[in-house]
Each structure stands twice: as C-alpha cells, then as structure tokens.
C-alpha atoms as a PDB file:
ATOM      1  CA  MET A   1       0.469  -0.286 -12.280  1.00  0.00           C
ATOM      2  CA  PRO A   2      -2.284  -1.314 -14.641  1.00  0.00           C
ATOM      3  CA  HIS A   3      -5.588   0.200 -13.620  1.00  0.00           C
ATOM      4  CA  ASP A   4      -9.111   0.689 -14.753  1.00  0.00           C
ATOM      5  CA  THR A   5     -10.805   4.017 -14.096  1.00  0.00           C
ATOM      6  CA  ASN A   6     -13.319   4.006 -11.349  1.00  0.00           C
ATOM      7  CA  ARG A   7     -14.195   7.207  -9.487  1.00  0.00           C
ATOM      8  CA  ALA A   8     -15.133   5.476  -6.224  1.00  0.00           C
ATOM      9  CA  THR A   9     -11.654   3.992  -5.836  1.00  0.00           C
ATOM     10  CA  GLY A  10      -9.415   6.735  -7.163  1.00  0.00           C
ATOM     11  CA  GLY A  11      -8.940   5.056 -10.520  1.00  0.00           C
ATOM     12  CA  VAL A  12      -7.870   1.668  -9.197  1.00  0.00           C
ATOM     13  CA  THR A  13     -10.013  -1.436  -9.360  1.00  0.00           C
ATOM     14  CA  LEU A  14      -9.862  -4.644  -7.372  1.00  0.00           C
ATOM     15  CA  PRO A  15      -8.875  -6.766 -10.400  1.00  0.00           C
ATOM     16  CA  ALA A  16      -6.016  -4.334 -11.121  1.00  0.00           C
ATOM     17  CA  LEU A  17      -4.839  -4.512  -7.500  1.00  0.00           C
ATOM     18  CA  ARG A  18      -5.055  -8.305  -7.408  1.00  0.00           C
ATOM     19  CA  SER A  19      -3.108  -8.570 -10.649  1.00  0.00           C
ATOM     20  CA  ALA A  20      -0.409  -6.169  -9.488  1.00  0.00           C
ATOM     21  CA  VAL A  21      -0.042  -7.849  -6.074  1.00  0.00           C
ATOM     22  CA  ALA A  22       0.047 -11.283  -7.726  1.00  0.00           C
ATOM     23  CA  ALA A  23       2.890 -10.122  -9.976  1.00  0.00           C
ATOM     24  CA  LEU A  24       4.876  -8.175  -7.374  1.00  0.00           C
ATOM     25  CA  ALA A  25       4.296 -10.007  -4.098  1.00  0.00           C
ATOM     26  CA  PRO A  26       2.179 -13.146  -4.537  1.00  0.00           C
ATOM     27  CA  ALA A  27       2.627 -14.093  -0.887  1.00  0.00           C
ATOM     28  CA  LYS A  28       0.634 -10.949   0.027  1.00  0.00           C
ATOM     29  CA  LEU A  29      -2.517 -12.056  -1.867  1.00  0.00           C
ATOM     30  CA  PRO A  30      -4.133 -13.732   1.175  1.00  0.00           C
ATOM     31  CA  GLU A  31      -3.577 -10.529   3.186  1.00  0.00           C
ATOM     32  CA  LEU A  32      -5.118  -8.442   0.397  1.00  0.00           C
ATOM     33  CA  VAL A  33      -8.207 -10.702   0.274  1.00  0.00           C
ATOM     34  CA  GLU A  34      -8.575 -10.707   4.070  1.00  0.00           C
ATOM     35  CA  GLU A  35      -8.285  -6.923   4.301  1.00  0.00           C
ATOM     36  CA  MET A  36     -10.747  -6.522   1.435  1.00  0.00           C
ATOM     37  CA  GLN A  37     -13.318  -8.660   3.225  1.00  0.00           C
ATOM     38  CA  GLN A  38     -12.795  -6.712   6.471  1.00  0.00           C
ATOM     39  CA  ALA A  39     -13.147  -3.388   4.636  1.00  0.00           C
ATOM     40  CA  PHE A  40     -16.388  -4.402   2.955  1.00  0.00           C
ATOM     41  CA  ASP A  41     -17.753  -5.786   6.219  1.00  0.00           C
ATOM     42  CA  ARG A  42     -16.898  -2.543   8.080  1.00  0.00           C
ATOM     43  CA  ALA A  43     -18.406  -0.491   5.250  1.00  0.00           C
ATOM     44  CA  GLY A  44     -21.649  -2.459   5.564  1.00  0.00           C
ATOM     45  CA  GLN A  45     -21.718  -2.098   9.331  1.00  0.00           C
ATOM     46  CA  ASP A  46     -20.881   1.612   9.285  1.00  0.00           C
ATOM     47  CA  GLY A  47     -22.921   2.515   6.211  1.00  0.00           C
ATOM     48  CA  SER A  48     -19.818   4.264   4.869  1.00  0.00           C
ATOM     49  CA  THR A  49     -17.482   3.708   1.934  1.00  0.00           C
ATOM     50  CA  ALA A  50     -14.514   5.033   3.935  1.00  0.00           C
ATOM     51  CA  PRO A  51     -13.187   1.560   4.868  1.00  0.00           C
ATOM     52  CA  ILE A  52     -13.269   0.546   1.201  1.00  0.00           C
ATOM     53  CA  ARG A  53     -11.502   3.715   0.093  1.00  0.00           C
ATOM     54  CA  MET A  54      -8.846   3.166   2.768  1.00  0.00           C
ATOM     55  CA  PHE A  55      -8.360  -0.438   1.607  1.00  0.00           C
ATOM     56  CA  TYR A  56      -7.839   0.662  -1.995  1.00  0.00           C
ATOM     57  CA  ARG A  57      -5.489   3.458  -0.975  1.00  0.00           C
ATOM     58  CA  ARG A  58      -3.360   1.222   1.254  1.00  0.00           C
ATOM     59  CA  TRP A  59      -2.931  -1.416  -1.416  1.00  0.00           C
ATOM     60  CA  ALA A  60      -2.392   1.027  -4.250  1.00  0.00           C
ATOM     61  CA  ILE A  61       0.417   2.609  -2.245  1.00  0.00           C
ATOM     62  CA  PHE A  62       1.856  -0.861  -1.559  1.00  0.00           C
ATOM     63  CA  VAL A  63       1.871  -1.578  -5.304  1.00  0.00           C
ATOM     64  CA  ALA A  64       3.404   1.802  -6.114  1.00  0.00           C
ATOM     65  CA  ILE A  65       6.268   1.052  -3.730  1.00  0.00           C
ATOM     66  CA  GLU A  66       6.795  -2.545  -4.772  1.00  0.00           C
ATOM     67  CA  ARG A  67       6.715  -1.912  -8.537  1.00  0.00           C
ATOM     68  CA  ASP A  68       9.973   0.045  -8.253  1.00  0.00           C
ATOM     69  CA  PRO A  69      12.594  -2.472  -7.130  1.00  0.00           C
ATOM     70  CA  ALA A  70      15.116   0.135  -5.931  1.00  0.00           C
ATOM     71  CA  ARG A  71      12.444   2.004  -3.944  1.00  0.00           C
ATOM     72  CA  ALA A  72      11.091  -1.245  -2.487  1.00  0.00           C
ATOM     73  CA  ALA A  73      14.593  -2.274  -1.430  1.00  0.00           C
ATOM     74  CA  ARG A  74      15.131   1.074   0.366  1.00  0.00           C
ATOM     75  CA  PHE A  75      11.697   0.767   2.018  1.00  0.00           C
ATOM     76  CA  HIS A  76      12.322  -2.781   3.261  1.00  0.00           C
ATOM     77  CA  ALA A  77      15.854  -1.931   4.439  1.00  0.00           C
ATOM     78  CA  ALA A  78      14.381   0.933   6.494  1.00  0.00           C
ATOM     79  CA  GLU A  79      11.780  -1.441   7.928  1.00  0.00           C
ATOM     80  CA  GLN A  80      14.596  -3.788   8.960  1.00  0.00           C
ATOM     81  CA  VAL A  81      16.367  -0.934  10.741  1.00  0.00           C
ATOM     82  CA  LEU A  82      13.189  -0.199  12.681  1.00  0.00           C
ATOM     83  CA  GLU A  83      12.896  -3.850  13.665  1.00  0.00           C
ATOM     84  CA  SER A  84      16.518  -4.424  14.588  1.00  0.00           C
ATOM     85  CA  SER A  85      18.184  -1.186  15.665  1.00  0.00           C
ATOM     86  CA  GLU A  86      17.956   0.385  19.046  1.00  0.00           C
ATOM     87  CA  ALA A  87      19.956   3.444  17.986  1.00  0.00           C
ATOM     88  CA  GLY A  88      17.672   6.480  18.035  1.00  0.00           C
ATOM     89  CA  ASN A  89      19.400   8.220  15.130  1.00  0.00           C
ATOM     90  CA  ASP A  90      19.153   5.124  12.916  1.00  0.00           C
ATOM     91  CA  ARG A  91      15.511   4.637  13.776  1.00  0.00           C
ATOM     92  CA  GLN A  92      14.672   8.310  13.106  1.00  0.00           C
ATOM     93  CA  ALA A  93      16.423   8.177   9.715  1.00  0.00           C
ATOM     94  CA  ALA A  94      14.471   5.009   8.878  1.00  0.00           C
ATOM     95  CA  VAL A  95      11.178   6.611   9.850  1.00  0.00           C
ATOM     96  CA  ARG A  96      11.989   9.662   7.693  1.00  0.00           C
ATOM     97  CA  LEU A  97      12.921   7.468   4.725  1.00  0.00           C
ATOM     98  CA  ILE A  98       9.753   5.349   5.041  1.00  0.00           C
ATOM     99  CA  GLY A  99       7.659   8.511   5.292  1.00  0.00           C
ATOM    100  CA  SER A 100       9.300   9.967   2.207  1.00  0.00           C
ATOM    101  CA  ILE A 101       8.785   6.781   0.179  1.00  0.00           C
ATOM    102  CA  VAL A 102       5.141   6.478   1.254  1.00  0.00           C
ATOM    103  CA  ARG A 103       4.455  10.132   0.443  1.00  0.00           C
ATOM    104  CA  THR A 104       5.970   9.748  -3.026  1.00  0.00           C
ATOM    105  CA  ALA A 105       3.936   6.594  -3.681  1.00  0.00           C
ATOM    106  CA  GLN A 106       0.804   8.323  -2.372  1.00  0.00           C
ATOM    107  CA  CYS A 107       1.309  11.198  -4.831  1.00  0.00           C
ATOM    108  CA  GLU A 108       1.622   8.669  -7.664  1.00  0.00           C
ATOM    109  CA  VAL A 109      -1.584   6.940  -6.576  1.00  0.00           C
ATOM    110  CA  GLU A 110      -3.465  10.207  -6.325  1.00  0.00           C
ATOM    111  CA  ALA A 111      -2.381  11.061  -9.891  1.00  0.00           C
ATOM    112  CA  LEU A 112      -4.123   7.952 -11.259  1.00  0.00           C
END
C-alpha cells in the first residue's frame, strides 16, 4: 500500500488510504468518507485522537487484506460461511480464519 509517513496515524495518511481504497474497492469509498467524518466528529466531542487512530487502523487493515487477492478471497469466503452456515464447526473455522487474516494484516500495518 502506498503511504506517507505520519506519526499520528501509524505511517498512513488519508490520501494514501483514499487512493488504495479507490484502486482496490471503489464501492467502499463512501463508507470510508462517512467513517472518517464520524471519527473526526467523535474526536472533537471527546477531545481525543483515539477515534481517528481507530479509523486509520481499521481502513489500513482493510487495504492490507484487499491488496492480496488470494487473502481477500479467503477472507470473503469465510465471511460468506458466517452469513450462510448454521453448522457450528464451519462457523468456528471461519471465525478462526478471519481472525488469522486480520492479525496478519494488522502486523503488516503496524510495520509501516
């Protein structure tokens, strides 16, 4: 993922996130903008940068997952299992897979 260094956001900037989301999942841009506005509003109300940091982290992880087509396909297949299966074993395996994928993406984001 292209990124600009910025200590407050873990090395990821809003322009870099917008660019990456536009390239990987353009239909998600309105969601990114809405969540950004909510995060900045909450930060102003709370007097804390935590909502902004959470916004950046969430979207950086999203980009880290989506930029790897094989990983994204596994992630989305596991999401489909959670939505459609009632079998406990299938659902537990899907939750474990999603957790593993998110943790790997999170480690990549933290390394930026």
